[in-house]
């Protein structure tokens, strides 16, 4: 039995485990919170914190190149990755440390990743689209409560249709706070909430257990895990409106 929105008086939280699960029809009138912790949403939130101008998440490489042509100017940067590899001709990669305050402030960015940016573009029909990472998960949960968003979908970008550990933990941090505030969680949200509780205070170590985290560790990017895994380090709330990112506030 599909019980979604069966009781409009109850604030509800639903979990989708991969971008392939996104159903635009269900997002009408709802909020979509998208997370690709390693690394798309972590990096994009960092860009906005560090003073980026307009940031345009791309659906795919063709869209990224089209956006580049549309917004071409001396201050435009291109960044990201495709299938985990550098994109030929792009200025920067997917890592947050590449987007320093000195290099990004006032600059526009066309940003492409394998999972995170396509997921964001797939949910544009939602009433509100927010970006989440472990760094800003508490701030996102607080914003959702204060904005009185009745139905929220926590959307893990995942990889090739499968759930990623780091996205599940991020969703769990948000679900935990909303559950404590009285929101009703679906079964998936309960599962990720419990996983986040189990790893509370040890998120960096938890990230290192996942497929992407293991790879980061193997190539000497432990510092990336430490940055991405610091829960609550950011108070930024970033959303997607009209194809570009918007900073809702600190």
Protein backbone atom coordinates (compact mmCIF):
# COMPACT_ATOMS: atom_id res chain seq x y z
CA UNK A 1 0.00 0.00 0.00
CA UNK A 2 1.33 3.44 -0.95
CA UNK A 3 0.75 5.66 2.07
CA UNK A 4 2.54 8.77 0.79
CA UNK A 5 0.65 11.95 1.72
CA UNK A 6 -2.22 9.90 3.14
CA UNK A 7 -2.36 12.32 6.08
CA UNK A 8 -1.74 15.89 4.99
CA UNK A 9 -1.59 17.08 8.60
CA UNK A 10 1.59 15.10 9.28
CA UNK A 11 5.03 16.34 8.20
CA UNK A 12 6.59 13.45 6.35
CA UNK A 13 10.08 12.38 5.27
CA UNK A 14 10.75 9.91 2.47
CA UNK A 15 14.06 8.43 1.33
CA UNK A 16 15.11 7.74 -2.24
CA UNK A 17 18.36 5.80 -2.43
CA UNK A 18 19.61 6.77 -5.90
CA UNK A 19 18.93 9.36 -8.58
CA UNK A 20 17.35 6.68 -10.76
CA UNK A 21 14.52 6.45 -8.22
CA UNK A 22 13.46 10.07 -8.73
CA UNK A 23 9.80 10.41 -9.72
CA UNK A 24 9.08 14.03 -10.72
CA UNK A 25 5.33 13.58 -10.25
CA UNK A 26 5.76 12.83 -6.55
CA UNK A 27 7.85 15.95 -6.08
CA UNK A 28 5.09 18.36 -7.00
CA UNK A 29 4.41 20.48 -3.95
CA UNK A 30 7.22 18.76 -2.01
CA UNK A 31 10.78 19.65 -1.07
CA UNK A 32 13.71 17.71 -2.51
CA UNK A 33 16.95 17.51 -0.53
CA UNK A 34 19.72 16.13 -2.74
CA UNK A 35 23.00 14.77 -1.40
CA UNK A 36 26.15 13.58 -3.15
CA UNK A 37 28.55 13.79 -0.24
CA UNK A 38 31.58 12.57 -2.20
CA UNK A 39 31.66 15.03 -3.70
CA UNK A 40 29.24 17.11 -5.75
CA UNK A 41 27.04 18.69 -3.11
CA UNK A 42 29.93 19.10 -0.66
CA UNK A 43 31.91 20.97 -3.31
CA UNK A 44 29.02 23.12 -4.55
CA UNK A 45 28.07 24.17 -1.02
CA UNK A 46 31.72 25.08 -0.45
CA UNK A 47 31.75 27.19 -3.62
CA UNK A 48 28.77 29.18 -2.42
CA UNK A 49 30.27 29.64 1.04
CA UNK A 50 33.44 30.98 -0.53
CA UNK A 51 31.66 33.64 -2.54
CA UNK A 52 31.03 32.13 -5.96
CA UNK A 53 28.78 34.15 -8.23
CA UNK A 54 26.44 32.04 -10.35
CA UNK A 55 26.88 28.26 -10.18
CA UNK A 56 25.16 26.19 -12.85
CA UNK A 57 24.89 22.42 -12.22
CA UNK A 58 24.89 20.54 -15.54
CA UNK A 59 22.77 17.53 -16.51
CA UNK A 60 25.53 16.00 -18.62
CA UNK A 61 28.56 16.98 -20.66
CA UNK A 62 26.50 18.32 -23.57
CA UNK A 63 24.53 20.50 -21.17
CA UNK A 64 27.74 21.70 -19.52
CA UNK A 65 29.19 22.76 -22.86
CA UNK A 66 25.94 24.49 -23.77
CA UNK A 67 25.94 26.36 -20.45
CA UNK A 68 29.55 27.34 -21.05
CA UNK A 69 28.64 28.83 -24.43
CA UNK A 70 25.61 30.61 -22.98
CA UNK A 71 27.42 32.20 -20.04
CA UNK A 72 30.88 32.61 -21.55
CA UNK A 73 32.82 35.46 -19.95
CA UNK A 74 36.32 36.04 -18.53
CA UNK A 75 35.02 35.22 -15.04
CA UNK A 76 33.45 31.85 -15.99
CA UNK A 77 35.05 28.65 -14.73
CA UNK A 78 34.25 25.06 -15.63
CA UNK A 79 34.71 22.30 -13.09
CA UNK A 80 33.84 18.77 -12.09
CA UNK A 81 34.33 15.24 -13.36
CA UNK A 82 32.75 12.65 -15.63
CA UNK A 83 32.84 8.99 -14.63
CA UNK A 84 35.42 9.89 -12.00
CA UNK A 85 37.83 11.38 -14.52
CA UNK A 86 38.93 14.90 -15.36
CA UNK A 87 36.88 16.55 -18.08
CA UNK A 88 39.14 17.62 -20.97
CA UNK A 89 39.22 21.38 -21.29
CA UNK A 90 37.68 22.07 -17.88
CA UNK A 91 39.46 24.46 -15.55
CA UNK A 92 39.05 22.54 -12.29
CA UNK A 93 38.11 19.14 -10.93
CA UNK A 94 35.51 18.01 -8.37
CA UNK A 95 37.41 18.56 -5.12
CA UNK A 96 36.36 21.31 -2.68
CA UNK A 97 39.92 22.41 -1.98
CA UNK A 98 40.27 23.44 -5.63
CA UNK A 99 37.67 26.17 -5.09
CA UNK A 100 39.55 28.56 -2.82
CA UNK A 101 38.03 31.84 -1.73
CA UNK A 102 40.69 33.72 -3.69
CA UNK A 103 39.99 31.75 -6.84
CA UNK A 104 36.21 31.49 -6.69
CA UNK A 105 34.90 34.75 -5.19
CA UNK A 106 32.73 36.52 -7.74
CA UNK A 107 33.35 33.87 -10.40
CA UNK A 108 30.63 31.94 -12.22
CA UNK A 109 30.96 28.16 -12.47
CA UNK A 110 29.52 25.52 -14.76
CA UNK A 111 29.82 22.33 -12.71
CA UNK A 112 29.38 18.74 -13.89
CA UNK A 113 29.57 15.47 -11.97
CA UNK A 114 28.51 11.92 -12.71
CA UNK A 115 25.76 11.67 -10.11
CA UNK A 116 25.18 14.82 -8.08
CA UNK A 117 24.51 17.43 -10.74
CA UNK A 118 22.19 15.20 -12.82
CA UNK A 119 20.26 14.39 -9.64
CA UNK A 120 19.78 18.09 -8.93
CA UNK A 121 18.50 18.78 -12.42
CA UNK A 122 16.05 15.87 -12.23
CA UNK A 123 14.27 17.37 -9.22
CA UNK A 124 13.81 20.90 -10.55
CA UNK A 125 10.03 20.47 -10.51
CA UNK A 126 9.94 20.23 -6.71
CA UNK A 127 8.54 23.13 -4.70
CA UNK A 128 11.96 23.61 -3.08
CA UNK A 129 15.32 22.07 -4.00
CA UNK A 130 18.09 22.00 -1.39
CA UNK A 131 21.64 20.67 -1.43
CA UNK A 132 22.87 18.65 1.53
CA UNK A 133 26.22 17.39 2.72
CA UNK A 134 27.38 16.13 6.07
CA UNK A 135 28.92 19.55 6.64
CA UNK A 136 25.59 21.39 6.40
CA UNK A 137 23.12 18.59 7.25
CA UNK A 138 22.09 20.09 10.63
CA UNK A 139 21.54 23.48 8.97
CA UNK A 140 19.39 21.88 6.26
CA UNK A 141 17.27 20.08 8.86
CA UNK A 142 16.78 23.33 10.76
CA UNK A 143 15.82 25.18 7.58
CA UNK A 144 13.30 22.50 6.59
CA UNK A 145 11.62 22.75 9.99
CA UNK A 146 11.50 26.55 10.02
CA UNK A 147 10.23 26.72 6.42
CA UNK A 148 7.36 24.39 7.37
CA UNK A 149 7.90 22.14 4.36
CA UNK A 150 5.24 19.47 4.83
CA UNK A 151 6.67 16.72 2.59
CA UNK A 152 10.40 16.22 2.16
CA UNK A 153 12.23 13.72 -0.01
CA UNK A 154 15.80 12.94 1.02
CA UNK A 155 17.43 11.98 -2.27
CA UNK A 156 20.75 10.16 -2.31
CA UNK A 157 22.50 10.60 -5.65
CA UNK A 158 24.06 7.16 -5.29
CA UNK A 159 26.11 5.51 -8.02
CA UNK A 160 24.84 3.46 -10.96
CA UNK A 161 21.47 3.05 -9.30
CA UNK A 162 22.89 1.88 -5.99
CA UNK A 163 22.96 3.54 -2.58
CA UNK A 164 26.25 5.10 -1.47
CA UNK A 165 27.19 4.84 2.20
CA UNK A 166 28.14 8.50 2.53
CA UNK A 167 24.83 9.68 1.09
CA UNK A 168 22.90 7.36 3.39
CA UNK A 169 24.70 8.76 6.43
CA UNK A 170 23.96 12.33 5.37
CA UNK A 171 20.29 11.51 4.86
CA UNK A 172 20.34 9.85 8.27
CA UNK A 173 21.66 12.93 10.03
CA UNK A 174 18.82 15.00 8.56
CA UNK A 175 16.19 12.33 9.21
CA UNK A 176 17.31 12.03 12.83
CA UNK A 177 16.80 15.72 13.49
CA UNK A 178 13.45 15.82 11.71
CA UNK A 179 12.28 12.70 13.52
CA UNK A 180 13.15 14.22 16.88
CA UNK A 181 11.12 17.28 15.84
CA UNK A 182 8.08 15.07 15.30
CA UNK A 183 8.21 14.37 11.59
CA UNK A 184 7.04 10.96 10.41
CA UNK A 185 9.82 8.96 8.73
CA UNK A 186 9.29 6.27 6.12
CA UNK A 187 11.08 2.93 6.50
CA UNK A 188 14.12 4.02 4.49
CA UNK A 189 14.50 7.20 6.50
CA UNK A 190 14.35 5.16 9.71
CA UNK A 191 17.12 2.86 8.46
CA UNK A 192 19.49 5.68 7.53
CA UNK A 193 18.68 7.52 10.76
CA UNK A 194 19.76 4.47 12.74
CA UNK A 195 22.93 4.15 10.65
CA UNK A 196 23.82 7.78 11.31
CA UNK A 197 23.24 7.33 15.02
CA UNK A 198 25.50 4.27 15.03
CA UNK A 199 28.35 6.30 13.51
CA UNK A 200 27.73 9.52 15.44
CA UNK A 201 31.06 11.14 16.27
CA UNK A 202 32.90 8.81 13.87
CA UNK A 203 31.69 9.98 10.48
CA UNK A 204 35.12 10.26 8.86
CA UNK A 205 35.89 6.68 9.80
CA UNK A 206 32.46 5.66 8.50
CA UNK A 207 33.10 7.36 5.16
CA UNK A 208 36.34 5.44 4.80
CA UNK A 209 34.37 2.17 4.84
CA UNK A 210 32.41 2.97 1.67
CA UNK A 211 33.50 2.28 -1.90
CA UNK A 212 34.38 5.90 -2.71
CA UNK A 213 35.91 6.46 0.71
CA UNK A 214 38.17 3.45 0.30
CA UNK A 215 39.31 4.77 -3.05
CA UNK A 216 40.02 8.22 -1.61
CA UNK A 217 42.08 6.63 1.14
CA UNK A 218 44.02 4.51 -1.35
CA UNK A 219 45.03 7.54 -3.44
CA UNK A 220 46.06 9.68 -0.48
CA UNK A 221 42.92 11.78 -0.14
CA UNK A 222 42.20 11.19 3.52
CA UNK A 223 42.03 14.97 3.89
CA UNK A 224 39.06 15.03 1.52
CA UNK A 225 37.20 12.56 3.72
CA UNK A 226 38.02 14.63 6.79
CA UNK A 227 36.62 17.75 5.14
CA UNK A 228 33.49 16.07 3.78
CA UNK A 229 32.86 14.12 6.97
CA UNK A 230 32.84 17.01 9.44
CA UNK A 231 29.20 17.14 10.51
CA UNK A 232 27.87 20.64 11.14
CA UNK A 233 30.95 22.52 9.94
CA UNK A 234 28.80 24.65 7.64
CA UNK A 235 25.69 26.68 8.38
CA UNK A 236 25.06 27.44 4.71
CA UNK A 237 21.73 26.49 3.16
CA UNK A 238 22.03 26.24 -0.61
CA UNK A 239 19.19 25.66 -3.06
CA UNK A 240 18.62 25.37 -6.79
CA UNK A 241 16.37 27.91 -8.50
CA UNK A 242 16.03 28.58 -12.23
CA UNK A 243 18.98 26.35 -13.04
CA UNK A 244 21.49 28.02 -10.72
CA UNK A 245 22.44 27.77 -7.06
CA UNK A 246 21.16 30.21 -4.50
CA UNK A 247 22.44 30.79 -0.98
CA UNK A 248 19.38 30.97 1.26
CA UNK A 249 21.31 32.12 4.31
CA UNK A 250 23.69 31.28 7.11
